PDB file of all heavy atoms in Angstrom:
ATOM      1  N   TRP A   1       0.419   0.549  10.862  1.00  0.00           N
ATOM      2  CA  TRP A   1       1.853   0.314  10.895  1.00  0.00           C
ATOM      3  C   TRP A   1       2.672   1.582  11.125  1.00  0.00           C
ATOM      4  O   TRP A   1       3.897   1.483  11.286  1.00  0.00           O
ATOM      5  CB  TRP A   1       2.319  -0.332   9.585  1.00  0.00           C
ATOM      6  CG  TRP A   1       2.034  -1.787   9.531  1.00  0.00           C
ATOM      7  CD1 TRP A   1       1.022  -2.387   8.846  1.00  0.00           C
ATOM      8  CD2 TRP A   1       2.741  -2.835  10.185  1.00  0.00           C
ATOM      9  NE1 TRP A   1       1.047  -3.748   9.033  1.00  0.00           N
ATOM     10  CE2 TRP A   1       2.105  -4.057   9.844  1.00  0.00           C
ATOM     11  CE3 TRP A   1       3.854  -2.874  11.030  1.00  0.00           C
ATOM     12  CZ2 TRP A   1       2.538  -5.283  10.320  1.00  0.00           C
ATOM     13  CZ3 TRP A   1       4.291  -4.114  11.491  1.00  0.00           C
ATOM     14  CH2 TRP A   1       3.638  -5.291  11.139  1.00  0.00           C
ATOM     15  N   VAL A   2       2.044   2.757  11.116  1.00  0.00           N
ATOM     16  CA  VAL A   2       2.866   3.971  11.169  1.00  0.00           C
ATOM     17  C   VAL A   2       2.951   4.671  12.526  1.00  0.00           C
ATOM     18  O   VAL A   2       3.543   5.751  12.593  1.00  0.00           O
ATOM     19  CB  VAL A   2       2.420   5.002  10.097  1.00  0.00           C
ATOM     20  CG1 VAL A   2       2.513   4.392   8.719  1.00  0.00           C
ATOM     21  CG2 VAL A   2       1.017   5.523  10.374  1.00  0.00           C
ATOM     22  N   PRO A   3       2.427   4.124  13.622  1.00  0.00           N
ATOM     23  CA  PRO A   3       2.755   4.762  14.905  1.00  0.00           C
ATOM     24  C   PRO A   3       4.269   4.788  15.114  1.00  0.00           C
ATOM     25  O   PRO A   3       4.960   3.795  14.851  1.00  0.00           O
ATOM     26  CB  PRO A   3       2.063   3.872  15.943  1.00  0.00           C
ATOM     27  CG  PRO A   3       0.945   3.235  15.210  1.00  0.00           C
ATOM     28  CD  PRO A   3       1.470   3.015  13.820  1.00  0.00           C
ATOM     29  N   PHE A   4       4.793   5.932  15.572  1.00  0.00           N
ATOM     30  CA  PHE A   4       6.231   6.121  15.792  1.00  0.00           C
ATOM     31  C   PHE A   4       7.026   5.968  14.484  1.00  0.00           C
ATOM     32  O   PHE A   4       8.196   5.626  14.508  1.00  0.00           O
ATOM     33  CB  PHE A   4       6.765   5.146  16.842  1.00  0.00           C
ATOM     34  CG  PHE A   4       5.982   5.147  18.116  1.00  0.00           C
ATOM     35  CD1 PHE A   4       5.239   4.045  18.495  1.00  0.00           C
ATOM     36  CD2 PHE A   4       5.984   6.263  18.943  1.00  0.00           C
ATOM     37  CE1 PHE A   4       4.501   4.054  19.677  1.00  0.00           C
ATOM     38  CE2 PHE A   4       5.258   6.280  20.125  1.00  0.00           C
ATOM     39  CZ  PHE A   4       4.513   5.168  20.487  1.00  0.00           C
ATOM     40  N   CYS A   5       6.375   6.212  13.365  1.00  0.00           N
ATOM     41  CA  CYS A   5       7.028   6.088  12.058  1.00  0.00           C
ATOM     42  C   CYS A   5       6.744   7.350  11.255  1.00  0.00           C
ATOM     43  O   CYS A   5       5.626   7.863  11.273  1.00  0.00           O
ATOM     44  CB  CYS A   5       6.501   4.859  11.328  1.00  0.00           C
ATOM     45  SG  CYS A   5       7.166   4.630   9.675  1.00  0.00           S
ATOM     46  N   ARG A   6       7.745   7.854  10.545  1.00  0.00           N
ATOM     47  CA  ARG A   6       7.574   9.088   9.783  1.00  0.00           C
ATOM     48  C   ARG A   6       6.852   8.842   8.459  1.00  0.00           C
ATOM     49  O   ARG A   6       6.385   9.781   7.822  1.00  0.00           O
ATOM     50  CB  ARG A   6       8.932   9.724   9.519  1.00  0.00           C
ATOM     51  CG  ARG A   6       9.573  10.320  10.772  1.00  0.00           C
ATOM     52  CD  ARG A   6      11.029  10.673  10.557  1.00  0.00           C
ATOM     53  NE  ARG A   6      11.254  11.547   9.415  1.00  0.00           N
ATOM     54  CZ  ARG A   6      11.059  12.870   9.426  1.00  0.00           C
ATOM     55  NH1 ARG A   6      10.601  13.455  10.525  1.00  0.00           N
ATOM     56  NH2 ARG A   6      11.308  13.597   8.360  1.00  0.00           N
ATOM     57  N   GLU A   7       6.756   7.596   8.040  1.00  0.00           N
ATOM     58  CA  GLU A   7       6.096   7.277   6.770  1.00  0.00           C
ATOM     59  C   GLU A   7       4.575   7.240   6.929  1.00  0.00           C
ATOM     60  O   GLU A   7       4.052   7.051   8.016  1.00  0.00           O
ATOM     61  CB  GLU A   7       6.580   5.920   6.260  1.00  0.00           C
ATOM     62  CG  GLU A   7       8.043   5.880   5.863  1.00  0.00           C
ATOM     63  CD  GLU A   7       8.397   4.575   5.203  1.00  0.00           C
ATOM     64  OE1 GLU A   7       8.368   3.537   5.885  1.00  0.00           O
ATOM     65  OE2 GLU A   7       8.707   4.597   4.004  1.00  0.00           O
ATOM     66  N   LEU A   8       3.867   7.384   5.799  1.00  0.00           N
ATOM     67  CA  LEU A   8       2.417   7.218   5.769  1.00  0.00           C
ATOM     68  C   LEU A   8       2.040   5.805   5.323  1.00  0.00           C
ATOM     69  O   LEU A   8       0.925   5.358   5.561  1.00  0.00           O
ATOM     70  CB  LEU A   8       1.784   8.244   4.820  1.00  0.00           C
ATOM     71  CG  LEU A   8       2.020   9.710   5.179  1.00  0.00           C
ATOM     72  CD1 LEU A   8       1.347  10.616   4.168  1.00  0.00           C
ATOM     73  CD2 LEU A   8       1.513  10.000   6.579  1.00  0.00           C
ATOM     74  N   TRP A   9       2.972   5.151   4.660  1.00  0.00           N
ATOM     75  CA  TRP A   9       2.804   3.753   4.274  1.00  0.00           C
ATOM     76  C   TRP A   9       4.095   3.048   4.616  1.00  0.00           C
ATOM     77  O   TRP A   9       5.168   3.462   4.189  1.00  0.00           O
ATOM     78  CB  TRP A   9       2.513   3.619   2.781  1.00  0.00           C
ATOM     79  CG  TRP A   9       2.494   2.183   2.343  1.00  0.00           C
ATOM     80  CD1 TRP A   9       3.550   1.448   1.887  1.00  0.00           C
ATOM     81  CD2 TRP A   9       1.379   1.301   2.365  1.00  0.00           C
ATOM     82  NE1 TRP A   9       3.161   0.161   1.621  1.00  0.00           N
ATOM     83  CE2 TRP A   9       1.827   0.042   1.894  1.00  0.00           C
ATOM     84  CE3 TRP A   9       0.034   1.446   2.728  1.00  0.00           C
ATOM     85  CZ2 TRP A   9       0.973  -1.052   1.798  1.00  0.00           C
ATOM     86  CZ3 TRP A   9      -0.796   0.356   2.618  1.00  0.00           C
ATOM     87  CH2 TRP A   9      -0.334  -0.871   2.152  1.00  0.00           C
ATOM     88  N   SER A  10       4.019   1.994   5.387  1.00  0.00           N
ATOM     89  CA  SER A  10       5.224   1.283   5.788  1.00  0.00           C
ATOM     90  C   SER A  10       5.916   0.689   4.568  1.00  0.00           C
ATOM     91  O   SER A  10       5.351  -0.155   3.876  1.00  0.00           O
ATOM     92  CB  SER A  10       4.876   0.171   6.781  1.00  0.00           C
ATOM     93  OG  SER A  10       5.993  -0.659   7.001  1.00  0.00           O
ATOM     94  N   SER A  11       7.143   1.133   4.305  1.00  0.00           N
ATOM     95  CA  SER A  11       7.880   0.623   3.147  1.00  0.00           C
ATOM     96  C   SER A  11       8.322  -0.822   3.340  1.00  0.00           C
ATOM     97  O   SER A  11       8.842  -1.441   2.411  1.00  0.00           O
ATOM     98  CB  SER A  11       9.102   1.504   2.868  1.00  0.00           C
ATOM     99  OG  SER A  11       8.686   2.798   2.483  1.00  0.00           O
ATOM    100  N   ALA A  12       8.123  -1.356   4.529  1.00  0.00           N
ATOM    101  CA  ALA A  12       8.330  -2.796   4.714  1.00  0.00           C
ATOM    102  C   ALA A  12       7.297  -3.585   3.922  1.00  0.00           C
ATOM    103  O   ALA A  12       7.445  -4.788   3.714  1.00  0.00           O
ATOM    104  CB  ALA A  12       8.252  -3.153   6.195  1.00  0.00           C
ATOM    105  N   GLU A  13       6.237  -2.903   3.484  1.00  0.00           N
ATOM    106  CA  GLU A  13       5.165  -3.543   2.725  1.00  0.00           C
ATOM    107  C   GLU A  13       5.230  -3.208   1.241  1.00  0.00           C
ATOM    108  O   GLU A  13       4.232  -3.287   0.544  1.00  0.00           O
ATOM    109  CB  GLU A  13       3.809  -3.116   3.289  1.00  0.00           C
ATOM    110  CG  GLU A  13       3.602  -3.438   4.744  1.00  0.00           C
ATOM    111  CD  GLU A  13       2.331  -2.798   5.305  1.00  0.00           C
ATOM    112  OE1 GLU A  13       2.396  -1.655   5.766  1.00  0.00           O
ATOM    113  OE2 GLU A  13       1.282  -3.457   5.257  1.00  0.00           O
ATOM    114  N   GLN A  14       6.389  -2.817   0.730  1.00  0.00           N
ATOM    115  CA  GLN A  14       6.473  -2.469  -0.684  1.00  0.00           C
ATOM    116  C   GLN A  14       6.352  -3.715  -1.559  1.00  0.00           C
ATOM    117  O   GLN A  14       6.680  -4.825  -1.137  1.00  0.00           O
ATOM    118  CB  GLN A  14       7.768  -1.728  -0.987  1.00  0.00           C
ATOM    119  CG  GLN A  14       9.043  -2.424  -0.618  1.00  0.00           C
ATOM    120  CD  GLN A  14      10.247  -1.519  -0.798  1.00  0.00           C
ATOM    121  OE1 GLN A  14      10.388  -0.870  -1.828  1.00  0.00           O
ATOM    122  NE2 GLN A  14      11.105  -1.451   0.200  1.00  0.00           N
ATOM    123  N   GLN A  15       5.833  -3.503  -2.768  1.00  0.00           N
ATOM    124  CA  GLN A  15       5.560  -4.585  -3.727  1.00  0.00           C
ATOM    125  C   GLN A  15       4.644  -5.646  -3.115  1.00  0.00           C
ATOM    126  O   GLN A  15       4.830  -6.842  -3.297  1.00  0.00           O
ATOM    127  CB  GLN A  15       6.864  -5.207  -4.232  1.00  0.00           C
ATOM    128  CG  GLN A  15       7.703  -4.251  -5.075  1.00  0.00           C
ATOM    129  CD  GLN A  15       8.932  -4.904  -5.658  1.00  0.00           C
ATOM    130  OE1 GLN A  15       9.863  -5.230  -4.946  1.00  0.00           O
ATOM    131  NE2 GLN A  15       8.932  -5.094  -6.964  1.00  0.00           N
ATOM    132  N   GLN A  16       3.638  -5.162  -2.417  1.00  0.00           N
ATOM    133  CA  GLN A  16       2.664  -6.037  -1.766  1.00  0.00           C
ATOM    134  C   GLN A  16       1.317  -5.855  -2.442  1.00  0.00           C
ATOM    135  O   GLN A  16       0.887  -4.740  -2.723  1.00  0.00           O
ATOM    136  CB  GLN A  16       2.579  -5.672  -0.288  1.00  0.00           C
ATOM    137  CG  GLN A  16       1.634  -6.527   0.524  1.00  0.00           C
ATOM    138  CD  GLN A  16       1.792  -6.233   1.995  1.00  0.00           C
ATOM    139  OE1 GLN A  16       2.877  -6.362   2.547  1.00  0.00           O
ATOM    140  NE2 GLN A  16       0.716  -5.835   2.635  1.00  0.00           N
ATOM    141  N   ASN A  17       0.618  -6.945  -2.706  1.00  0.00           N
ATOM    142  CA  ASN A  17      -0.685  -6.872  -3.357  1.00  0.00           C
ATOM    143  C   ASN A  17      -1.744  -6.311  -2.413  1.00  0.00           C
ATOM    144  O   ASN A  17      -1.727  -6.596  -1.231  1.00  0.00           O
ATOM    145  CB  ASN A  17      -1.118  -8.257  -3.835  1.00  0.00           C
ATOM    146  CG  ASN A  17      -0.171  -8.855  -4.849  1.00  0.00           C
ATOM    147  OD1 ASN A  17       0.508  -9.827  -4.562  1.00  0.00           O
ATOM    148  ND2 ASN A  17      -0.125  -8.288  -6.034  1.00  0.00           N
ATOM    149  N   TYR A  18      -2.662  -5.525  -2.981  1.00  0.00           N
ATOM    150  CA  TYR A  18      -3.814  -5.075  -2.198  1.00  0.00           C
ATOM    151  C   TYR A  18      -4.991  -4.867  -3.136  1.00  0.00           C
ATOM    152  O   TYR A  18      -4.834  -4.644  -4.338  1.00  0.00           O
ATOM    153  CB  TYR A  18      -3.497  -3.793  -1.416  1.00  0.00           C
ATOM    154  CG  TYR A  18      -3.276  -2.544  -2.250  1.00  0.00           C
ATOM    155  CD1 TYR A  18      -4.289  -1.588  -2.406  1.00  0.00           C
ATOM    156  CD2 TYR A  18      -2.049  -2.291  -2.867  1.00  0.00           C
ATOM    157  CE1 TYR A  18      -4.089  -0.440  -3.149  1.00  0.00           C
ATOM    158  CE2 TYR A  18      -1.835  -1.144  -3.606  1.00  0.00           C
ATOM    159  CZ  TYR A  18      -2.856  -0.223  -3.748  1.00  0.00           C
ATOM    160  OH  TYR A  18      -2.659   0.922  -4.504  1.00  0.00           O
ATOM    161  N   LEU A  19      -6.196  -4.979  -2.574  1.00  0.00           N
ATOM    162  CA  LEU A  19      -7.429  -4.859  -3.351  1.00  0.00           C
ATOM    163  C   LEU A  19      -8.297  -3.756  -2.761  1.00  0.00           C
ATOM    164  O   LEU A  19      -8.883  -3.939  -1.692  1.00  0.00           O
ATOM    165  CB  LEU A  19      -8.200  -6.176  -3.350  1.00  0.00           C
ATOM    166  CG  LEU A  19      -9.477  -6.185  -4.191  1.00  0.00           C
ATOM    167  CD1 LEU A  19      -9.140  -6.111  -5.677  1.00  0.00           C
ATOM    168  CD2 LEU A  19     -10.323  -7.426  -3.903  1.00  0.00           C
ATOM    169  N   PRO A  20      -8.397  -2.600  -3.432  1.00  0.00           N
ATOM    170  CA  PRO A  20      -9.253  -1.524  -2.918  1.00  0.00           C
ATOM    171  C   PRO A  20     -10.733  -1.841  -3.125  1.00  0.00           C
ATOM    172  O   PRO A  20     -11.114  -2.411  -4.152  1.00  0.00           O
ATOM    173  CB  PRO A  20      -8.838  -0.308  -3.770  1.00  0.00           C
ATOM    174  CG  PRO A  20      -7.585  -0.720  -4.486  1.00  0.00           C
ATOM    175  CD  PRO A  20      -7.655  -2.204  -4.624  1.00  0.00           C
ATOM    176  N   GLY A  21     -11.540  -1.460  -2.157  1.00  0.00           N
ATOM    177  CA  GLY A  21     -12.983  -1.587  -2.297  1.00  0.00           C
ATOM    178  C   GLY A  21     -13.554  -0.282  -2.815  1.00  0.00           C
ATOM    179  O   GLY A  21     -14.119   0.504  -2.054  1.00  0.00           O
ATOM    180  N   VAL A  22     -13.411  -0.028  -4.112  1.00  0.00           N
ATOM    181  CA  VAL A  22     -13.804   1.246  -4.714  1.00  0.00           C
ATOM    182  C   VAL A  22     -15.073   1.060  -5.535  1.00  0.00           C
ATOM    183  O   VAL A  22     -15.351  -0.037  -6.036  1.00  0.00           O
ATOM    184  CB  VAL A  22     -12.665   1.813  -5.594  1.00  0.00           C
ATOM    185  CG1 VAL A  22     -11.473   2.195  -4.713  1.00  0.00           C
ATOM    186  CG2 VAL A  22     -12.213   0.803  -6.640  1.00  0.00           C
ATOM    187  N   PRO A  23     -15.877   2.131  -5.707  1.00  0.00           N
ATOM    188  CA  PRO A  23     -17.179   1.988  -6.369  1.00  0.00           C
ATOM    189  C   PRO A  23     -17.084   1.565  -7.824  1.00  0.00           C
ATOM    190  O   PRO A  23     -18.017   0.962  -8.356  1.00  0.00           O
ATOM    191  CB  PRO A  23     -17.809   3.381  -6.228  1.00  0.00           C
ATOM    192  CG  PRO A  23     -16.680   4.308  -5.929  1.00  0.00           C
ATOM    193  CD  PRO A  23     -15.672   3.500  -5.189  1.00  0.00           C
ATOM    194  N   GLU A  24     -15.962   1.867  -8.496  1.00  0.00           N
ATOM    195  CA  GLU A  24     -15.818   1.472  -9.892  1.00  0.00           C
ATOM    196  C   GLU A  24     -15.248   0.064 -10.042  1.00  0.00           C
ATOM    197  O   GLU A  24     -15.155  -0.469 -11.146  1.00  0.00           O
ATOM    198  CB  GLU A  24     -14.914   2.460 -10.642  1.00  0.00           C
ATOM    199  CG  GLU A  24     -13.469   2.513 -10.164  1.00  0.00           C
ATOM    200  CD  GLU A  24     -13.214   3.508  -9.035  1.00  0.00           C
ATOM    201  OE1 GLU A  24     -14.186   3.854  -8.333  1.00  0.00           O
ATOM    202  OE2 GLU A  24     -12.061   3.950  -8.887  1.00  0.00           O
ATOM    203  N   GLY A  25     -14.869  -0.552  -8.924  1.00  0.00           N
ATOM    204  CA  GLY A  25     -14.257  -1.869  -8.961  1.00  0.00           C
ATOM    205  C   GLY A  25     -12.788  -1.779  -9.316  1.00  0.00           C
ATOM    206  O   GLY A  25     -12.352  -0.868 -10.019  1.00  0.00           O
ATOM    207  N   SER A  26     -12.004  -2.716  -8.808  1.00  0.00           N
ATOM    208  CA  SER A  26     -10.563  -2.685  -9.037  1.00  0.00           C
ATOM    209  C   SER A  26     -10.001  -4.087  -9.145  1.00  0.00           C
ATOM    210  O   SER A  26     -10.512  -5.023  -8.522  1.00  0.00           O
ATOM    211  CB  SER A  26      -9.863  -1.931  -7.896  1.00  0.00           C
ATOM    212  OG  SER A  26      -8.448  -2.003  -8.017  1.00  0.00           O
ATOM    213  N   ASP A  27      -8.944  -4.219  -9.938  1.00  0.00           N
ATOM    214  CA  ASP A  27      -8.163  -5.444  -9.947  1.00  0.00           C
ATOM    215  C   ASP A  27      -7.147  -5.361  -8.818  1.00  0.00           C
ATOM    216  O   ASP A  27      -7.051  -4.342  -8.118  1.00  0.00           O
ATOM    217  CB  ASP A  27      -7.466  -5.611 -11.292  1.00  0.00           C
ATOM    218  CG  ASP A  27      -7.054  -7.057 -11.569  1.00  0.00           C
ATOM    219  OD1 ASP A  27      -7.148  -7.888 -10.639  1.00  0.00           O
ATOM    220  OD2 ASP A  27      -6.629  -7.345 -12.696  1.00  0.00           O
ATOM    221  N   LEU A  28      -6.354  -6.409  -8.622  1.00  0.00           N
ATOM    222  CA  LEU A  28      -5.282  -6.355  -7.630  1.00  0.00           C
ATOM    223  C   LEU A  28      -4.307  -5.243  -7.974  1.00  0.00           C
ATOM    224  O   LEU A  28      -3.951  -5.053  -9.136  1.00  0.00           O
ATOM    225  CB  LEU A  28      -4.535  -7.690  -7.581  1.00  0.00           C
ATOM    226  CG  LEU A  28      -5.138  -8.830  -6.770  1.00  0.00           C
ATOM    227  CD1 LEU A  28      -4.246 -10.063  -6.899  1.00  0.00           C
ATOM    228  CD2 LEU A  28      -5.308  -8.453  -5.312  1.00  0.00           C
ATOM    229  N   CYS A  29      -3.887  -4.514  -6.956  1.00  0.00           N
ATOM    230  CA  CYS A  29      -2.893  -3.461  -7.117  1.00  0.00           C
ATOM    231  C   CYS A  29      -1.603  -3.868  -6.413  1.00  0.00           C
ATOM    232  O   CYS A  29      -1.576  -4.844  -5.651  1.00  0.00           O
ATOM    233  CB  CYS A  29      -3.400  -2.138  -6.544  1.00  0.00           C
ATOM    234  SG  CYS A  29      -4.938  -1.541  -7.290  1.00  0.00           S
ATOM    235  N   LEU A  30      -0.533  -3.114  -6.656  1.00  0.00           N
ATOM    236  CA  LEU A  30       0.770  -3.409  -6.063  1.00  0.00           C
ATOM    237  C   LEU A  30       1.288  -2.154  -5.381  1.00  0.00           C
ATOM    238  O   LEU A  30       1.294  -1.067  -5.988  1.00  0.00           O
ATOM    239  CB  LEU A  30       1.752  -3.868  -7.142  1.00  0.00           C
ATOM    240  CG  LEU A  30       3.006  -4.604  -6.678  1.00  0.00           C
ATOM    241  CD1 LEU A  30       2.641  -5.932  -6.028  1.00  0.00           C
ATOM    242  CD2 LEU A  30       3.946  -4.842  -7.851  1.00  0.00           C
ATOM    243  N   THR A  31       1.693  -2.283  -4.127  1.00  0.00           N
ATOM    244  CA  THR A  31       2.197  -1.121  -3.402  1.00  0.00           C
ATOM    245  C   THR A  31       3.518  -0.657  -4.010  1.00  0.00           C
ATOM    246  O   THR A  31       4.281  -1.460  -4.554  1.00  0.00           O
ATOM    247  CB  THR A  31       2.397  -1.440  -1.909  1.00  0.00           C
ATOM    248  OG1 THR A  31       3.345  -2.499  -1.778  1.00  0.00           O
ATOM    249  CG2 THR A  31       1.092  -1.857  -1.269  1.00  0.00           C
ATOM    250  N   PRO A  32       3.811   0.628  -3.920  1.00  0.00           N
ATOM    251  CA  PRO A  32       4.972   1.173  -4.634  1.00  0.00           C
ATOM    252  C   PRO A  32       6.299   0.763  -4.017  1.00  0.00           C
ATOM    253  O   PRO A  32       6.392   0.461  -2.833  1.00  0.00           O
ATOM    254  CB  PRO A  32       4.758   2.690  -4.507  1.00  0.00           C
ATOM    255  CG  PRO A  32       3.925   2.854  -3.272  1.00  0.00           C
ATOM    256  CD  PRO A  32       3.024   1.656  -3.225  1.00  0.00           C
ATOM    257  N   VAL A  33       7.316   0.773  -4.869  1.00  0.00           N
ATOM    258  CA  VAL A  33       8.686   0.544  -4.417  1.00  0.00           C
ATOM    259  C   VAL A  33       9.228   1.847  -3.831  1.00  0.00           C
ATOM    260  O   VAL A  33       8.991   2.927  -4.362  1.00  0.00           O
ATOM    261  CB  VAL A  33       9.579   0.085  -5.587  1.00  0.00           C
ATOM    262  CG1 VAL A  33      11.034   0.001  -5.160  1.00  0.00           C
ATOM    263  CG2 VAL A  33       9.105  -1.257  -6.111  1.00  0.00           C
ATOM    264  N   SER A  34       9.921   1.748  -2.716  1.00  0.00           N
ATOM    265  CA  SER A  34      10.532   2.920  -2.084  1.00  0.00           C
ATOM    266  C   SER A  34      12.046   2.828  -2.269  1.00  0.00           C
ATOM    267  O   SER A  34      12.673   1.835  -1.880  1.00  0.00           O
ATOM    268  CB  SER A  34      10.179   2.967  -0.592  1.00  0.00           C
ATOM    269  OG  SER A  34      10.660   4.148  -0.007  1.00  0.00           O
ATOM    270  N   ALA A  35      12.626   3.856  -2.875  1.00  0.00           N
ATOM    271  CA  ALA A  35      14.046   3.848  -3.222  1.00  0.00           C
ATOM    272  C   ALA A  35      14.919   3.794  -1.970  1.00  0.00           C
ATOM    273  O   ALA A  35      14.523   4.287  -0.899  1.00  0.00           O
ATOM    274  CB  ALA A  35      14.393   5.088  -4.045  1.00  0.00           C
TER     275      ALA A  35
END
């Protein structure tokens, strides 16, 4: 989502659920709010 965008994470996707595939296992996470 960040081609031609100064952000590293599109803030259009704030407060969006995501599930990382990490070795310790993870519950659902929530993307941060951008002021």
